[in-house]
């Protein structure tokens, strides 16, 4: 299996990398939507982050990556209850995937050969406790979008068909990428992503040269390159683990809650998911930074990522949603 490009070796793209790190600190944030140019490291970043994270403990033969045999669904036939370490799963959901492949279906082979009704798990089972990555998410078929909405809401996949009634945990960090020029994302799915970032090809010559140098070193001098950036990745991993332990202890002053509400009202964001995501992401950033108390600077730092995709469209504002958020953050929070 090919080693992914190291996360710490990705040049630039600070906002994208920060968003992915924060979902690793707190997966409950709700995933990341990355829109922008092709070839800017979107898929590289999610695979690199998953490789950087600590391995998860799973029951060896459990199809949903359960940590203990008691957590494995009743329908799963456990050949081995041995607990083993495995890399954090990263599962690709291809655009042409059928509903059966996504949620699971009747195991046709067993039905024909043994006359038994058995369940064949789908991509959602394999993604449990990991990442579900969708490239060109804006081109995803509507019925698959509806399925993902249901699962993202409940954290559970329910299959009712061919006389089967199956359910299993499906908690994953959803990462979507795409090019906005090729189609828009349905508002219902857009709102399910906790964070949204835009990436662009670098315009600075020195930065582009550095990208070329690092990629060339990764392919031509692999051992030396990985020795250096493997150590850098280990530092990021340790910081994420410390942040996870620190997260429940972060103190949140009431004034910061008022800031969240005032900012979302000023932006005109629909519903209350904006405030909740803003607060949760800011706490994750505070934990990652080593702070004990949530501060206004944390809100200001992540507000564009947490809120820019929740704004109502303003055809008279040509600056873009990210610029609108930044402008109103300055007006409301100073």
C-alpha atoms as a PDB file:
ATOM      1  CA  UNK A   1       0.000   0.000   0.000  1.00  0.00           C
ATOM      2  CA  UNK A   2       1.437   3.344  -1.082  1.00  0.00           C
ATOM      3  CA  UNK A   3       2.299   5.781   1.697  1.00  0.00           C
ATOM      4  CA  UNK A   4       0.224   8.984   1.452  1.00  0.00           C
ATOM      5  CA  UNK A   5       1.958  12.324   0.994  1.00  0.00           C
ATOM      6  CA  UNK A   6       2.632  13.768   4.487  1.00  0.00           C
ATOM      7  CA  UNK A   7       0.077  16.240   5.794  1.00  0.00           C
ATOM      8  CA  UNK A   8       2.708  18.630   7.136  1.00  0.00           C
ATOM      9  CA  UNK A   9       4.446  18.719   3.739  1.00  0.00           C
ATOM     10  CA  UNK A  10       1.440  20.265   1.967  1.00  0.00           C
ATOM     11  CA  UNK A  11       2.445  23.797   0.967  1.00  0.00           C
ATOM     12  CA  UNK A  12       0.088  26.655   1.852  1.00  0.00           C
ATOM     13  CA  UNK A  13      -3.684  25.963   1.938  1.00  0.00           C
ATOM     14  CA  UNK A  14      -3.740  26.952   5.611  1.00  0.00           C
ATOM     15  CA  UNK A  15      -7.526  27.297   5.857  1.00  0.00           C
ATOM     16  CA  UNK A  16      -8.144  23.844   4.367  1.00  0.00           C
ATOM     17  CA  UNK A  17      -5.560  22.171   6.586  1.00  0.00           C
ATOM     18  CA  UNK A  18      -6.867  23.937   9.693  1.00  0.00           C
ATOM     19  CA  UNK A  19     -10.451  22.881   8.939  1.00  0.00           C
ATOM     20  CA  UNK A  20      -9.437  19.232   8.551  1.00  0.00           C
ATOM     21  CA  UNK A  21      -7.373  19.275  11.736  1.00  0.00           C
ATOM     22  CA  UNK A  22     -10.295  20.718  13.706  1.00  0.00           C
ATOM     23  CA  UNK A  23     -12.611  17.932  12.493  1.00  0.00           C
ATOM     24  CA  UNK A  24      -9.987  15.497  13.759  1.00  0.00           C
ATOM     25  CA  UNK A  25     -10.033  17.199  17.164  1.00  0.00           C
ATOM     26  CA  UNK A  26     -13.860  17.135  17.240  1.00  0.00           C
ATOM     27  CA  UNK A  27     -15.503  14.921  14.569  1.00  0.00           C
ATOM     28  CA  UNK A  28     -18.886  16.249  15.720  1.00  0.00           C
ATOM     29  CA  UNK A  29     -18.198  19.513  13.876  1.00  0.00           C
ATOM     30  CA  UNK A  30     -19.753  17.897  10.829  1.00  0.00           C
ATOM     31  CA  UNK A  31     -17.213  17.562   8.066  1.00  0.00           C
ATOM     32  CA  UNK A  32     -15.516  19.819   5.546  1.00  0.00           C
ATOM     33  CA  UNK A  33     -16.534  21.058   2.104  1.00  0.00           C
ATOM     34  CA  UNK A  34     -13.595  22.069  -0.094  1.00  0.00           C
ATOM     35  CA  UNK A  35     -14.402  23.947  -3.288  1.00  0.00           C
ATOM     36  CA  UNK A  36     -11.854  25.210  -5.767  1.00  0.00           C
ATOM     37  CA  UNK A  37      -9.375  24.513  -8.525  1.00  0.00           C
ATOM     38  CA  UNK A  38      -8.305  21.037  -9.527  1.00  0.00           C
ATOM     39  CA  UNK A  39      -4.860  19.902  -8.444  1.00  0.00           C
ATOM     40  CA  UNK A  40      -4.766  21.974  -5.249  1.00  0.00           C
ATOM     41  CA  UNK A  41      -4.303  19.063  -2.830  1.00  0.00           C
ATOM     42  CA  UNK A  42      -7.909  18.443  -1.748  1.00  0.00           C
ATOM     43  CA  UNK A  43      -7.870  14.637  -1.905  1.00  0.00           C
ATOM     44  CA  UNK A  44      -4.198  14.570  -0.880  1.00  0.00           C
ATOM     45  CA  UNK A  45      -5.016  16.460   2.319  1.00  0.00           C
ATOM     46  CA  UNK A  46      -7.807  14.160   3.520  1.00  0.00           C
ATOM     47  CA  UNK A  47      -5.772  11.000   2.901  1.00  0.00           C
ATOM     48  CA  UNK A  48      -2.718  12.562   4.510  1.00  0.00           C
ATOM     49  CA  UNK A  49      -4.697  13.574   7.608  1.00  0.00           C
ATOM     50  CA  UNK A  50      -6.211  10.115   8.022  1.00  0.00           C
ATOM     51  CA  UNK A  51      -2.739   8.570   7.738  1.00  0.00           C
ATOM     52  CA  UNK A  52      -1.466  11.030  10.328  1.00  0.00           C
ATOM     53  CA  UNK A  53      -4.151  10.194  12.895  1.00  0.00           C
ATOM     54  CA  UNK A  54      -3.648   7.429  15.456  1.00  0.00           C
ATOM     55  CA  UNK A  55      -4.769   3.943  14.470  1.00  0.00           C
ATOM     56  CA  UNK A  56      -8.167   2.865  15.768  1.00  0.00           C
ATOM     57  CA  UNK A  57      -8.837  -0.322  17.719  1.00  0.00           C
ATOM     58  CA  UNK A  58     -11.384  -2.574  15.976  1.00  0.00           C
ATOM     59  CA  UNK A  59     -12.757  -6.097  16.220  1.00  0.00           C
ATOM     60  CA  UNK A  60     -10.880  -7.929  13.483  1.00  0.00           C
ATOM     61  CA  UNK A  61     -13.898  -9.371  11.640  1.00  0.00           C
ATOM     62  CA  UNK A  62     -16.461  -6.642  12.363  1.00  0.00           C
ATOM     63  CA  UNK A  63     -17.661  -4.990   9.123  1.00  0.00           C
ATOM     64  CA  UNK A  64     -18.424  -1.637  10.817  1.00  0.00           C
ATOM     65  CA  UNK A  65     -15.091  -1.142  12.628  1.00  0.00           C
ATOM     66  CA  UNK A  66     -16.610  -1.636  16.094  1.00  0.00           C
ATOM     67  CA  UNK A  67     -14.222  -1.164  19.007  1.00  0.00           C
ATOM     68  CA  UNK A  68     -15.611  -4.179  20.932  1.00  0.00           C
ATOM     69  CA  UNK A  69     -17.578  -7.275  19.983  1.00  0.00           C
ATOM     70  CA  UNK A  70     -20.526  -5.981  22.071  1.00  0.00           C
ATOM     71  CA  UNK A  71     -20.725  -2.905  19.808  1.00  0.00           C
ATOM     72  CA  UNK A  72     -20.737  -4.951  16.610  1.00  0.00           C
ATOM     73  CA  UNK A  73     -24.268  -5.349  15.097  1.00  0.00           C
ATOM     74  CA  UNK A  74     -26.152  -8.581  15.762  1.00  0.00           C
ATOM     75  CA  UNK A  75     -26.391  -9.399  12.047  1.00  0.00           C
ATOM     76  CA  UNK A  76     -22.580  -9.437  11.665  1.00  0.00           C
ATOM     77  CA  UNK A  77     -21.058 -12.914  11.790  1.00  0.00           C
ATOM     78  CA  UNK A  78     -17.889 -12.500  13.810  1.00  0.00           C
ATOM     79  CA  UNK A  79     -15.292 -14.961  12.628  1.00  0.00           C
ATOM     80  CA  UNK A  80     -12.764 -13.490  15.041  1.00  0.00           C
ATOM     81  CA  UNK A  81     -13.338 -11.348  18.104  1.00  0.00           C
ATOM     82  CA  UNK A  82      -9.686 -10.431  18.318  1.00  0.00           C
ATOM     83  CA  UNK A  83      -9.095  -6.685  18.666  1.00  0.00           C
ATOM     84  CA  UNK A  84      -6.538  -5.214  16.307  1.00  0.00           C
ATOM     85  CA  UNK A  85      -5.164  -1.799  15.347  1.00  0.00           C
ATOM     86  CA  UNK A  86      -6.023  -0.396  11.915  1.00  0.00           C
ATOM     87  CA  UNK A  87      -5.471   2.941  10.168  1.00  0.00           C
ATOM     88  CA  UNK A  88      -8.329   5.427  10.315  1.00  0.00           C
ATOM     89  CA  UNK A  89     -10.484   4.438   7.304  1.00  0.00           C
ATOM     90  CA  UNK A  90     -10.859   6.794   4.333  1.00  0.00           C
ATOM     91  CA  UNK A  91     -13.607   5.577   1.992  1.00  0.00           C
ATOM     92  CA  UNK A  92     -14.232   7.080  -1.444  1.00  0.00           C
ATOM     93  CA  UNK A  93     -17.848   7.435  -2.550  1.00  0.00           C
ATOM     94  CA  UNK A  94     -17.750   7.462  -6.382  1.00  0.00           C
ATOM     95  CA  UNK A  95     -20.286   9.508  -8.318  1.00  0.00           C
ATOM     96  CA  UNK A  96     -21.726   6.474 -10.077  1.00  0.00           C
ATOM     97  CA  UNK A  97     -22.237   4.429  -6.901  1.00  0.00           C
ATOM     98  CA  UNK A  98     -25.609   2.697  -6.649  1.00  0.00           C
ATOM     99  CA  UNK A  99     -27.803   2.944  -3.587  1.00  0.00           C
ATOM    100  CA  UNK A 100     -27.095  -0.704  -2.726  1.00  0.00           C
ATOM    101  CA  UNK A 101     -23.355  -0.103  -2.818  1.00  0.00           C
ATOM    102  CA  UNK A 102     -23.656   2.895  -0.503  1.00  0.00           C
ATOM    103  CA  UNK A 103     -26.028   1.556   2.173  1.00  0.00           C
ATOM    104  CA  UNK A 104     -25.630  -2.218   1.666  1.00  0.00           C
ATOM    105  CA  UNK A 105     -27.941  -4.864   0.279  1.00  0.00           C
ATOM    106  CA  UNK A 106     -28.936  -8.515   0.281  1.00  0.00           C
ATOM    107  CA  UNK A 107     -25.966 -10.858  -0.162  1.00  0.00           C
ATOM    108  CA  UNK A 108     -27.019 -12.443  -3.463  1.00  0.00           C
ATOM    109  CA  UNK A 109     -24.356 -15.155  -3.397  1.00  0.00           C
ATOM    110  CA  UNK A 110     -25.495 -16.523  -0.031  1.00  0.00           C
ATOM    111  CA  UNK A 111     -29.127 -16.231  -1.040  1.00  0.00           C
ATOM    112  CA  UNK A 112     -28.531 -18.338  -4.165  1.00  0.00           C
ATOM    113  CA  UNK A 113     -26.076 -20.886  -2.794  1.00  0.00           C
ATOM    114  CA  UNK A 114     -27.441 -21.388   0.723  1.00  0.00           C
ATOM    115  CA  UNK A 115     -30.934 -19.954   0.581  1.00  0.00           C
ATOM    116  CA  UNK A 116     -30.149 -17.566   3.415  1.00  0.00           C
ATOM    117  CA  UNK A 117     -31.039 -13.929   3.785  1.00  0.00           C
ATOM    118  CA  UNK A 118     -27.848 -12.130   4.746  1.00  0.00           C
ATOM    119  CA  UNK A 119     -26.700  -8.524   4.608  1.00  0.00           C
ATOM    120  CA  UNK A 120     -23.757  -7.335   2.542  1.00  0.00           C
ATOM    121  CA  UNK A 121     -22.477  -4.074   4.105  1.00  0.00           C
ATOM    122  CA  UNK A 122     -21.935  -1.003   1.943  1.00  0.00           C
ATOM    123  CA  UNK A 123     -19.590   1.971   1.907  1.00  0.00           C
ATOM    124  CA  UNK A 124     -21.251   3.589   4.927  1.00  0.00           C
ATOM    125  CA  UNK A 125     -20.366   0.579   7.089  1.00  0.00           C
ATOM    126  CA  UNK A 126     -16.722   0.727   6.023  1.00  0.00           C
ATOM    127  CA  UNK A 127     -16.566   4.489   6.688  1.00  0.00           C
ATOM    128  CA  UNK A 128     -17.764   4.201  10.299  1.00  0.00           C
ATOM    129  CA  UNK A 129     -15.254   5.866  12.689  1.00  0.00           C
ATOM    130  CA  UNK A 130     -13.371   7.317   9.728  1.00  0.00           C
ATOM    131  CA  UNK A 131     -13.780   9.592   6.723  1.00  0.00           C
ATOM    132  CA  UNK A 132     -16.178   9.436   3.794  1.00  0.00           C
ATOM    133  CA  UNK A 133     -14.671  11.345   0.863  1.00  0.00           C
ATOM    134  CA  UNK A 134     -16.770  12.505  -2.090  1.00  0.00           C
ATOM    135  CA  UNK A 135     -14.996  14.097  -5.035  1.00  0.00           C
ATOM    136  CA  UNK A 136     -17.202  16.313  -7.233  1.00  0.00           C
ATOM    137  CA  UNK A 137     -19.824  16.226  -4.475  1.00  0.00           C
ATOM    138  CA  UNK A 138     -21.886  18.850  -6.309  1.00  0.00           C
ATOM    139  CA  UNK A 139     -22.521  16.303  -9.088  1.00  0.00           C
ATOM    140  CA  UNK A 140     -23.833  13.607  -6.733  1.00  0.00           C
ATOM    141  CA  UNK A 141     -27.236  12.161  -7.655  1.00  0.00           C
ATOM    142  CA  UNK A 142     -30.176  13.481  -5.638  1.00  0.00           C
ATOM    143  CA  UNK A 143     -31.272  10.140  -4.175  1.00  0.00           C
ATOM    144  CA  UNK A 144     -27.756   9.491  -2.847  1.00  0.00           C
ATOM    145  CA  UNK A 145     -27.744  12.994  -1.363  1.00  0.00           C
ATOM    146  CA  UNK A 146     -30.999  12.184   0.443  1.00  0.00           C
ATOM    147  CA  UNK A 147     -29.471   9.014   1.880  1.00  0.00           C
ATOM    148  CA  UNK A 148     -26.436  10.893   3.149  1.00  0.00           C
ATOM    149  CA  UNK A 149     -28.663  13.529   4.735  1.00  0.00           C
ATOM    150  CA  UNK A 150     -30.544  10.891   6.713  1.00  0.00           C
ATOM    151  CA  UNK A 151     -27.383   9.138   7.892  1.00  0.00           C
ATOM    152  CA  UNK A 152     -25.564  12.385   8.717  1.00  0.00           C
ATOM    153  CA  UNK A 153     -28.534  13.413  10.866  1.00  0.00           C
ATOM    154  CA  UNK A 154     -28.830  10.168  12.846  1.00  0.00           C
ATOM    155  CA  UNK A 155     -25.342   8.646  12.761  1.00  0.00           C
ATOM    156  CA  UNK A 156     -27.038   5.354  11.896  1.00  0.00           C
ATOM    157  CA  UNK A 157     -27.668   3.547   8.617  1.00  0.00           C
ATOM    158  CA  UNK A 158     -31.052   1.809   8.371  1.00  0.00           C
ATOM    159  CA  UNK A 159     -31.805  -0.624   5.510  1.00  0.00           C
ATOM    160  CA  UNK A 160     -35.299  -2.018   4.955  1.00  0.00           C
ATOM    161  CA  UNK A 161     -35.562  -4.175   1.839  1.00  0.00           C
ATOM    162  CA  UNK A 162     -35.932  -7.737   0.509  1.00  0.00           C
ATOM    163  CA  UNK A 163     -37.277  -8.855   3.860  1.00  0.00           C
ATOM    164  CA  UNK A 164     -34.227  -7.494   5.684  1.00  0.00           C
ATOM    165  CA  UNK A 165     -34.361  -4.984   8.511  1.00  0.00           C
ATOM    166  CA  UNK A 166     -30.803  -3.894   9.246  1.00  0.00           C
ATOM    167  CA  UNK A 167     -29.245  -1.036  11.161  1.00  0.00           C
ATOM    168  CA  UNK A 168     -25.673  -0.199  12.072  1.00  0.00           C
ATOM    169  CA  UNK A 169     -23.655   2.820  13.287  1.00  0.00           C
ATOM    170  CA  UNK A 170     -22.396   5.126  10.523  1.00  0.00           C
ATOM    171  CA  UNK A 171     -20.546   7.986  12.157  1.00  0.00           C
ATOM    172  CA  UNK A 172     -17.932   9.520   9.912  1.00  0.00           C
ATOM    173  CA  UNK A 173     -16.396  12.824   8.956  1.00  0.00           C
ATOM    174  CA  UNK A 174     -17.837  13.799   5.589  1.00  0.00           C
ATOM    175  CA  UNK A 175     -15.346  15.507   3.281  1.00  0.00           C
ATOM    176  CA  UNK A 176     -16.572  16.784  -0.063  1.00  0.00           C
ATOM    177  CA  UNK A 177     -14.679  18.526  -2.823  1.00  0.00           C
ATOM    178  CA  UNK A 178     -15.659  20.006  -6.124  1.00  0.00           C
ATOM    179  CA  UNK A 179     -15.468  22.788  -8.663  1.00  0.00           C
ATOM    180  CA  UNK A 180     -18.316  25.328  -8.291  1.00  0.00           C
ATOM    181  CA  UNK A 181     -18.237  25.989 -12.031  1.00  0.00           C
ATOM    182  CA  UNK A 182     -19.519  22.452 -12.673  1.00  0.00           C
ATOM    183  CA  UNK A 183     -22.697  22.752 -10.623  1.00  0.00           C
ATOM    184  CA  UNK A 184     -24.129  23.912  -7.329  1.00  0.00           C
ATOM    185  CA  UNK A 185     -24.606  21.858  -4.185  1.00  0.00           C
ATOM    186  CA  UNK A 186     -28.123  21.280  -2.862  1.00  0.00           C
ATOM    187  CA  UNK A 187     -28.773  23.610   0.116  1.00  0.00           C
ATOM    188  CA  UNK A 188     -29.885  20.684   2.303  1.00  0.00           C
ATOM    189  CA  UNK A 189     -26.523  18.935   1.901  1.00  0.00           C
ATOM    190  CA  UNK A 190     -24.537  22.163   1.967  1.00  0.00           C
ATOM    191  CA  UNK A 191     -25.905  22.938   5.421  1.00  0.00           C
ATOM    192  CA  UNK A 192     -24.818  19.528   6.731  1.00  0.00           C
ATOM    193  CA  UNK A 193     -21.144  20.363   6.259  1.00  0.00           C
ATOM    194  CA  UNK A 194     -19.744  21.956   9.377  1.00  0.00           C
ATOM    195  CA  UNK A 195     -17.020  23.894   7.594  1.00  0.00           C
ATOM    196  CA  UNK A 196     -16.497  25.185   4.083  1.00  0.00           C
ATOM    197  CA  UNK A 197     -13.258  26.431   2.531  1.00  0.00           C
ATOM    198  CA  UNK A 198     -12.188  27.649  -0.878  1.00  0.00           C
ATOM    199  CA  UNK A 199      -8.821  26.686  -2.318  1.00  0.00           C
ATOM    200  CA  UNK A 200      -7.013  28.257  -5.231  1.00  0.00           C
ATOM    201  CA  UNK A 201      -3.837  27.557  -7.145  1.00  0.00           C
ATOM    202  CA  UNK A 202      -1.001  29.650  -5.640  1.00  0.00           C
ATOM    203  CA  UNK A 203      -0.024  32.751  -7.596  1.00  0.00           C
ATOM    204  CA  UNK A 204       3.344  33.177  -5.905  1.00  0.00           C
ATOM    205  CA  UNK A 205       6.284  31.769  -7.896  1.00  0.00           C
ATOM    206  CA  UNK A 206       8.256  30.786  -4.786  1.00  0.00           C
ATOM    207  CA  UNK A 207       5.289  28.884  -3.351  1.00  0.00           C
ATOM    208  CA  UNK A 208       4.717  26.977  -6.596  1.00  0.00           C
ATOM    209  CA  UNK A 209       8.422  26.117  -6.784  1.00  0.00           C
ATOM    210  CA  UNK A 210       8.272  24.777  -3.224  1.00  0.00           C
ATOM    211  CA  UNK A 211       5.321  22.551  -4.182  1.00  0.00           C
ATOM    212  CA  UNK A 212       7.359  21.127  -7.075  1.00  0.00           C
ATOM    213  CA  UNK A 213      10.426  20.565  -4.892  1.00  0.00           C
ATOM    214  CA  UNK A 214       8.512  18.701  -2.190  1.00  0.00           C
ATOM    215  CA  UNK A 215       6.605  16.503  -4.612  1.00  0.00           C
ATOM    216  CA  UNK A 216       9.808  15.681  -6.471  1.00  0.00           C
ATOM    217  CA  UNK A 217      11.595  14.843  -3.222  1.00  0.00           C
ATOM    218  CA  UNK A 218       8.681  12.612  -2.162  1.00  0.00           C
ATOM    219  CA  UNK A 219       9.016  10.603  -5.383  1.00  0.00           C
ATOM    220  CA  UNK A 220      12.804  10.640  -5.835  1.00  0.00           C
ATOM    221  CA  UNK A 221      14.227  10.725  -2.294  1.00  0.00           C
ATOM    222  CA  UNK A 222      11.409   9.057  -0.390  1.00  0.00           C
ATOM    223  CA  UNK A 223      13.279   7.861   2.710  1.00  0.00           C
ATOM    224  CA  UNK A 224      14.930  11.199   3.503  1.00  0.00           C
ATOM    225  CA  UNK A 225      11.741  13.109   2.781  1.00  0.00           C
ATOM    226  CA  UNK A 226       9.613  10.870   4.999  1.00  0.00           C
ATOM    227  CA  UNK A 227      12.158  10.945   7.823  1.00  0.00           C
ATOM    228  CA  UNK A 228      11.812  14.717   8.032  1.00  0.00           C
ATOM    229  CA  UNK A 229       8.089  15.147   7.418  1.00  0.00           C
ATOM    230  CA  UNK A 230       7.194  11.975   9.309  1.00  0.00           C
ATOM    231  CA  UNK A 231       8.599  13.681  12.399  1.00  0.00           C
ATOM    232  CA  UNK A 232       6.585  16.818  11.580  1.00  0.00           C
ATOM    233  CA  UNK A 233       3.419  14.741  11.193  1.00  0.00           C
ATOM    234  CA  UNK A 234       4.103  13.105  14.554  1.00  0.00           C
ATOM    235  CA  UNK A 235       4.118  16.565  16.178  1.00  0.00           C
ATOM    236  CA  UNK A 236       0.749  17.385  14.603  1.00  0.00           C
ATOM    237  CA  UNK A 237      -0.641  14.011  15.748  1.00  0.00           C
ATOM    238  CA  UNK A 238       0.467  14.616  19.331  1.00  0.00           C
ATOM    239  CA  UNK A 239      -1.046  18.105  19.310  1.00  0.00           C
ATOM    240  CA  UNK A 240      -4.370  16.683  18.064  1.00  0.00           C
ATOM    241  CA  UNK A 241      -4.372  14.054  20.821  1.00  0.00           C
ATOM    242  CA  UNK A 242      -3.660  16.690  23.469  1.00  0.00           C
ATOM    243  CA  UNK A 243      -6.430  18.866  22.029  1.00  0.00           C
ATOM    244  CA  UNK A 244      -8.919  15.977  22.256  1.00  0.00           C
ATOM    245  CA  UNK A 245      -8.121  15.573  25.948  1.00  0.00           C
ATOM    246  CA  UNK A 246      -8.295  19.313  26.561  1.00  0.00           C
ATOM    247  CA  UNK A 247     -11.525  19.922  24.621  1.00  0.00           C
ATOM    248  CA  UNK A 248     -14.070  18.976  27.357  1.00  0.00           C
ATOM    249  CA  UNK A 249     -12.353  21.340  29.780  1.00  0.00           C
ATOM    250  CA  UNK A 250     -12.487  24.490  27.628  1.00  0.00           C
ATOM    251  CA  UNK A 251     -14.300  27.282  29.497  1.00  0.00           C
ATOM    252  CA  UNK A 252     -16.853  29.274  27.492  1.00  0.00           C
ATOM    253  CA  UNK A 253     -17.850  32.732  28.808  1.00  0.00           C
ATOM    254  CA  UNK A 254     -21.469  33.781  28.207  1.00  0.00           C
ATOM    255  CA  UNK A 255     -20.195  36.822  26.324  1.00  0.00           C
ATOM    256  CA  UNK A 256     -18.832  34.495  23.629  1.00  0.00           C
ATOM    257  CA  UNK A 257     -22.243  32.877  23.221  1.00  0.00           C
ATOM    258  CA  UNK A 258     -23.709  36.341  22.710  1.00  0.00           C
ATOM    259  CA  UNK A 259     -21.008  37.016  20.116  1.00  0.00           C
ATOM    260  CA  UNK A 260     -21.984  33.842  18.227  1.00  0.00           C
ATOM    261  CA  UNK A 261     -25.640  34.833  18.161  1.00  0.00           C
ATOM    262  CA  UNK A 262     -24.971  38.466  17.221  1.00  0.00           C
ATOM    263  CA  UNK A 263     -22.689  37.437  14.379  1.00  0.00           C
ATOM    264  CA  UNK A 264     -25.175  34.978  12.878  1.00  0.00           C
ATOM    265  CA  UNK A 265     -28.021  37.500  13.156  1.00  0.00           C
ATOM    266  CA  UNK A 266     -25.907  40.134  11.404  1.00  0.00           C
ATOM    267  CA  UNK A 267     -25.078  37.660   8.633  1.00  0.00           C
ATOM    268  CA  UNK A 268     -28.691  36.564   8.260  1.00  0.00           C
ATOM    269  CA  UNK A 269     -27.804  32.862   8.411  1.00  0.00           C
ATOM    270  CA  UNK A 270     -30.796  30.499   8.429  1.00  0.00           C
ATOM    271  CA  UNK A 271     -31.516  28.365  11.489  1.00  0.00           C
ATOM    272  CA  UNK A 272     -29.305  27.860  14.528  1.00  0.00           C
ATOM    273  CA  UNK A 273     -26.834  25.384  13.087  1.00  0.00           C
ATOM    274  CA  UNK A 274     -24.469  28.268  12.336  1.00  0.00           C
ATOM    275  CA  UNK A 275     -24.127  29.311  15.986  1.00  0.00           C
ATOM    276  CA  UNK A 276     -23.709  25.739  17.168  1.00  0.00           C
ATOM    277  CA  UNK A 277     -21.044  24.945  14.567  1.00  0.00           C
ATOM    278  CA  UNK A 278     -19.252  28.230  15.184  1.00  0.00           C
ATOM    279  CA  UNK A 279     -19.084  27.542  18.913  1.00  0.00           C
ATOM    280  CA  UNK A 280     -18.007  23.934  18.511  1.00  0.00           C
ATOM    281  CA  UNK A 281     -15.308  24.747  15.976  1.00  0.00           C
ATOM    282  CA  UNK A 282     -13.982  27.657  18.022  1.00  0.00           C
ATOM    283  CA  UNK A 283     -13.657  25.356  21.039  1.00  0.00           C
ATOM    284  CA  UNK A 284     -11.736  22.835  18.939  1.00  0.00           C
ATOM    285  CA  UNK A 285      -9.394  25.620  17.788  1.00  0.00           C
ATOM    286  CA  UNK A 286      -8.902  26.791  21.370  1.00  0.00           C
ATOM    287  CA  UNK A 287      -8.059  23.232  22.439  1.00  0.00           C
ATOM    288  CA  UNK A 288      -5.629  22.833  19.523  1.00  0.00           C
ATOM    289  CA  UNK A 289      -3.963  26.138  20.411  1.00  0.00           C
ATOM    290  CA  UNK A 290      -3.529  24.992  24.011  1.00  0.00           C
ATOM    291  CA  UNK A 291      -5.909  27.591  25.487  1.00  0.00           C
ATOM    292  CA  UNK A 292      -8.029  26.947  28.563  1.00  0.00           C
ATOM    293  CA  UNK A 293     -10.705  29.533  27.813  1.00  0.00           C
ATOM    294  CA  UNK A 294     -12.516  30.323  24.583  1.00  0.00           C
ATOM    295  CA  UNK A 295     -11.690  33.812  23.312  1.00  0.00           C
ATOM    296  CA  UNK A 296     -13.124  36.161  20.721  1.00  0.00           C
ATOM    297  CA  UNK A 297     -10.022  35.666  18.558  1.00  0.00           C
ATOM    298  CA  UNK A 298     -10.947  31.991  18.167  1.00  0.00           C
ATOM    299  CA  UNK A 299     -14.390  32.948  16.857  1.00  0.00           C
ATOM    300  CA  UNK A 300     -12.908  35.466  14.442  1.00  0.00           C
ATOM    301  CA  UNK A 301     -10.380  32.959  13.135  1.00  0.00           C
ATOM    302  CA  UNK A 302     -12.892  30.298  12.139  1.00  0.00           C
ATOM    303  CA  UNK A 303     -16.027  32.341  11.372  1.00  0.00           C
ATOM    304  CA  UNK A 304     -15.450  32.386   7.569  1.00  0.00           C
ATOM    305  CA  UNK A 305     -15.094  28.578   7.461  1.00  0.00           C
ATOM    306  CA  UNK A 306     -18.095  27.945   9.704  1.00  0.00           C
ATOM    307  CA  UNK A 307     -20.506  30.490   8.232  1.00  0.00           C
ATOM    308  CA  UNK A 308     -19.685  31.435   4.630  1.00  0.00           C
ATOM    309  CA  UNK A 309     -21.696  28.542   3.137  1.00  0.00           C
ATOM    310  CA  UNK A 310     -24.752  29.323   5.287  1.00  0.00           C
ATOM    311  CA  UNK A 311     -25.425  32.816   3.940  1.00  0.00           C
ATOM    312  CA  UNK A 312     -28.348  33.794   1.799  1.00  0.00           C
ATOM    313  CA  UNK A 313     -27.212  34.830  -1.635  1.00  0.00           C
ATOM    314  CA  UNK A 314     -26.793  38.514  -2.349  1.00  0.00           C
ATOM    315  CA  UNK A 315     -26.626  39.099  -6.122  1.00  0.00           C
ATOM    316  CA  UNK A 316     -25.512  42.696  -5.517  1.00  0.00           C
ATOM    317  CA  UNK A 317     -22.479  41.640  -3.471  1.00  0.00           C
ATOM    318  CA  UNK A 318     -19.675  40.605  -5.803  1.00  0.00           C
ATOM    319  CA  UNK A 319     -17.109  40.127  -3.047  1.00  0.00           C
ATOM    320  CA  UNK A 320     -18.136  36.534  -2.312  1.00  0.00           C
ATOM    321  CA  UNK A 321     -19.449  34.936   0.880  1.00  0.00           C
ATOM    322  CA  UNK A 322     -16.030  34.655   2.539  1.00  0.00           C
ATOM    323  CA  UNK A 323     -15.369  38.367   2.119  1.00  0.00           C
ATOM    324  CA  UNK A 324     -18.871  39.184   3.402  1.00  0.00           C
ATOM    325  CA  UNK A 325     -18.276  37.131   6.543  1.00  0.00           C
ATOM    326  CA  UNK A 326     -14.881  38.757   7.132  1.00  0.00           C
ATOM    327  CA  UNK A 327     -16.408  42.235   6.728  1.00  0.00           C
ATOM    328  CA  UNK A 328     -19.273  41.584   9.132  1.00  0.00           C
ATOM    329  CA  UNK A 329     -16.977  39.861  11.651  1.00  0.00           C
ATOM    330  CA  UNK A 330     -14.966  43.099  11.789  1.00  0.00           C
ATOM    331  CA  UNK A 331     -18.133  45.135  12.228  1.00  0.00           C
ATOM    332  CA  UNK A 332     -19.653  42.931  14.953  1.00  0.00           C
ATOM    333  CA  UNK A 333     -16.610  41.647  16.824  1.00  0.00           C
ATOM    334  CA  UNK A 334     -14.146  44.442  16.126  1.00  0.00           C
END
